[in-house]
Amino acid sequence: MKKILMFTMESCPYCKEARKYMEELFDKYPEYKELDIEIIDEVEHPDIADQYDYYYVPTYYLDGEKFHEGIPNCEMVAELFRKAYEEV
């Protein structure tokens, strides 16, 4: 499995939307609960966030490479999870 890194902000409505999509996928595909997902709030951890090249949240990185930045949709999150779950 590949590691997912998600940058978020508590006040961001799109981040809440992204988390909702993630929860829906966990319910539909319980195996996705095994994914290695680290969620970092950029306000609480600016030291970590500053090490990455992005402007909008939510931003997802897959194995260190930016996968998506900005307004999410369920299809994008599903693709991210599929790619993360694939055998390396």
C-alpha atoms as a PDB file:
ATOM      1  CA  MET A   1       0.000   0.000   0.000  1.00  0.00           C
ATOM      2  CA  LYS A   2       1.032   3.559  -0.657  1.00  0.00           C
ATOM      3  CA  LYS A   3       0.920   6.305   1.959  1.00  0.00           C
ATOM      4  CA  ILE A   4      -1.650   9.103   1.726  1.00  0.00           C
ATOM      5  CA  LEU A   5      -0.900  12.474   3.250  1.00  0.00           C
ATOM      6  CA  MET A   6      -3.800  14.910   3.534  1.00  0.00           C
ATOM      7  CA  PHE A   7      -3.452  18.581   4.407  1.00  0.00           C
ATOM      8  CA  THR A   8      -6.551  20.150   5.847  1.00  0.00           C
ATOM      9  CA  MET A   9      -7.879  23.013   7.955  1.00  0.00           C
ATOM     10  CA  GLU A  10     -10.617  22.789  10.587  1.00  0.00           C
ATOM     11  CA  SER A  11     -12.530  25.780   9.165  1.00  0.00           C
ATOM     12  CA  CYS A  12     -12.430  24.581   5.547  1.00  0.00           C
ATOM     13  CA  PRO A  13     -15.827  23.406   4.234  1.00  0.00           C
ATOM     14  CA  TYR A  14     -14.162  21.505   1.375  1.00  0.00           C
ATOM     15  CA  CYS A  15     -12.014  19.585   3.868  1.00  0.00           C
ATOM     16  CA  LYS A  16     -15.176  18.510   5.681  1.00  0.00           C
ATOM     17  CA  GLU A  17     -16.611  17.422   2.341  1.00  0.00           C
ATOM     18  CA  ALA A  18     -13.469  15.405   1.586  1.00  0.00           C
ATOM     19  CA  ARG A  19     -13.650  13.664   4.961  1.00  0.00           C
ATOM     20  CA  LYS A  20     -17.301  12.824   4.290  1.00  0.00           C
ATOM     21  CA  TYR A  21     -16.306  11.191   0.979  1.00  0.00           C
ATOM     22  CA  MET A  22     -13.557   9.281   2.757  1.00  0.00           C
ATOM     23  CA  GLU A  23     -15.997   7.982   5.398  1.00  0.00           C
ATOM     24  CA  GLU A  24     -18.466   6.919   2.690  1.00  0.00           C
ATOM     25  CA  LEU A  25     -15.720   4.942   0.975  1.00  0.00           C
ATOM     26  CA  PHE A  26     -14.650   3.340   4.269  1.00  0.00           C
ATOM     27  CA  ASP A  27     -18.264   2.214   4.786  1.00  0.00           C
ATOM     28  CA  LYS A  28     -18.591   0.889   1.236  1.00  0.00           C
ATOM     29  CA  TYR A  29     -15.108  -0.698   1.079  1.00  0.00           C
ATOM     30  CA  PRO A  30     -14.017  -1.731   4.598  1.00  0.00           C
ATOM     31  CA  GLU A  31     -10.570  -2.762   3.281  1.00  0.00           C
ATOM     32  CA  TYR A  32      -9.797   0.929   2.741  1.00  0.00           C
ATOM     33  CA  LYS A  33      -9.722   1.353   6.516  1.00  0.00           C
ATOM     34  CA  GLU A  34      -6.308  -0.357   6.313  1.00  0.00           C
ATOM     35  CA  LEU A  35      -4.868   2.484   4.214  1.00  0.00           C
ATOM     36  CA  ASP A  36      -1.978   4.461   5.666  1.00  0.00           C
ATOM     37  CA  ILE A  37      -3.532   7.946   5.849  1.00  0.00           C
ATOM     38  CA  GLU A  38      -1.957  10.816   7.750  1.00  0.00           C
ATOM     39  CA  ILE A  39      -4.120  13.916   8.139  1.00  0.00           C
ATOM     40  CA  ILE A  40      -2.307  17.126   9.009  1.00  0.00           C
ATOM     41  CA  ASP A  41      -4.041  20.345  10.002  1.00  0.00           C
ATOM     42  CA  GLU A  42      -1.885  23.067   8.476  1.00  0.00           C
ATOM     43  CA  VAL A  43      -2.832  25.562  11.192  1.00  0.00           C
ATOM     44  CA  GLU A  44      -1.755  23.213  13.990  1.00  0.00           C
ATOM     45  CA  HIS A  45       1.374  21.992  12.167  1.00  0.00           C
ATOM     46  CA  PRO A  46       2.716  24.770   9.929  1.00  0.00           C
ATOM     47  CA  ASP A  47       6.224  23.334  10.339  1.00  0.00           C
ATOM     48  CA  ILE A  48       5.128  20.226   8.413  1.00  0.00           C
ATOM     49  CA  ALA A  49       2.831  22.024   5.960  1.00  0.00           C
ATOM     50  CA  ASP A  50       5.595  24.443   4.958  1.00  0.00           C
ATOM     51  CA  GLN A  51       7.668  21.531   3.687  1.00  0.00           C
ATOM     52  CA  TYR A  52       5.111  20.828   0.919  1.00  0.00           C
ATOM     53  CA  ASP A  53       4.232  22.751  -2.227  1.00  0.00           C
ATOM     54  CA  TYR A  54       0.509  23.501  -2.180  1.00  0.00           C
ATOM     55  CA  TYR A  55      -1.789  26.477  -1.731  1.00  0.00           C
ATOM     56  CA  TYR A  56      -5.344  25.150  -1.284  1.00  0.00           C
ATOM     57  CA  VAL A  57      -6.770  22.609   1.110  1.00  0.00           C
ATOM     58  CA  PRO A  58      -7.635  19.860   1.058  1.00  0.00           C
ATOM     59  CA  THR A  59      -4.489  18.640  -0.629  1.00  0.00           C
ATOM     60  CA  TYR A  60      -3.625  14.975  -0.991  1.00  0.00           C
ATOM     61  CA  TYR A  61      -0.183  13.485  -1.569  1.00  0.00           C
ATOM     62  CA  LEU A  62       0.227   9.867  -2.626  1.00  0.00           C
ATOM     63  CA  ASP A  63       3.622   8.382  -1.833  1.00  0.00           C
ATOM     64  CA  GLY A  64       5.156  11.862  -1.663  1.00  0.00           C
ATOM     65  CA  GLU A  65       3.703  13.172  -4.945  1.00  0.00           C
ATOM     66  CA  LYS A  66       0.862  15.672  -5.087  1.00  0.00           C
ATOM     67  CA  PHE A  67      -2.296  13.861  -6.171  1.00  0.00           C
ATOM     68  CA  HIS A  68      -4.971  16.538  -5.795  1.00  0.00           C
ATOM     69  CA  GLU A  69      -5.275  20.095  -4.525  1.00  0.00           C
ATOM     70  CA  GLY A  70      -8.469  22.038  -3.877  1.00  0.00           C
ATOM     71  CA  ILE A  71     -12.151  21.241  -4.115  1.00  0.00           C
ATOM     72  CA  PRO A  72     -12.652  17.461  -3.881  1.00  0.00           C
ATOM     73  CA  ASN A  73     -15.238  15.139  -5.333  1.00  0.00           C
ATOM     74  CA  CYS A  74     -16.084  11.565  -4.458  1.00  0.00           C
ATOM     75  CA  GLU A  75     -14.644  10.154  -7.703  1.00  0.00           C
ATOM     76  CA  MET A  76     -11.255  11.737  -7.032  1.00  0.00           C
ATOM     77  CA  VAL A  77     -11.114  10.374  -3.478  1.00  0.00           C
ATOM     78  CA  ALA A  78     -12.147   6.930  -4.762  1.00  0.00           C
ATOM     79  CA  GLU A  79      -9.346   7.030  -7.369  1.00  0.00           C
ATOM     80  CA  LEU A  80      -6.852   8.084  -4.695  1.00  0.00           C
ATOM     81  CA  PHE A  81      -7.888   5.186  -2.464  1.00  0.00           C
ATOM     82  CA  ARG A  82      -7.735   2.703  -5.381  1.00  0.00           C
ATOM     83  CA  LYS A  83      -4.224   3.823  -6.292  1.00  0.00           C
ATOM     84  CA  ALA A  84      -3.080   3.773  -2.673  1.00  0.00           C
ATOM     85  CA  TYR A  85      -4.469   0.277  -2.178  1.00  0.00           C
ATOM     86  CA  GLU A  86      -2.794  -1.153  -5.305  1.00  0.00           C
ATOM     87  CA  GLU A  87       0.158  -3.419  -4.847  1.00  0.00           C
ATOM     88  CA  VAL A  88       3.409  -1.570  -5.402  1.00  0.00           C
END
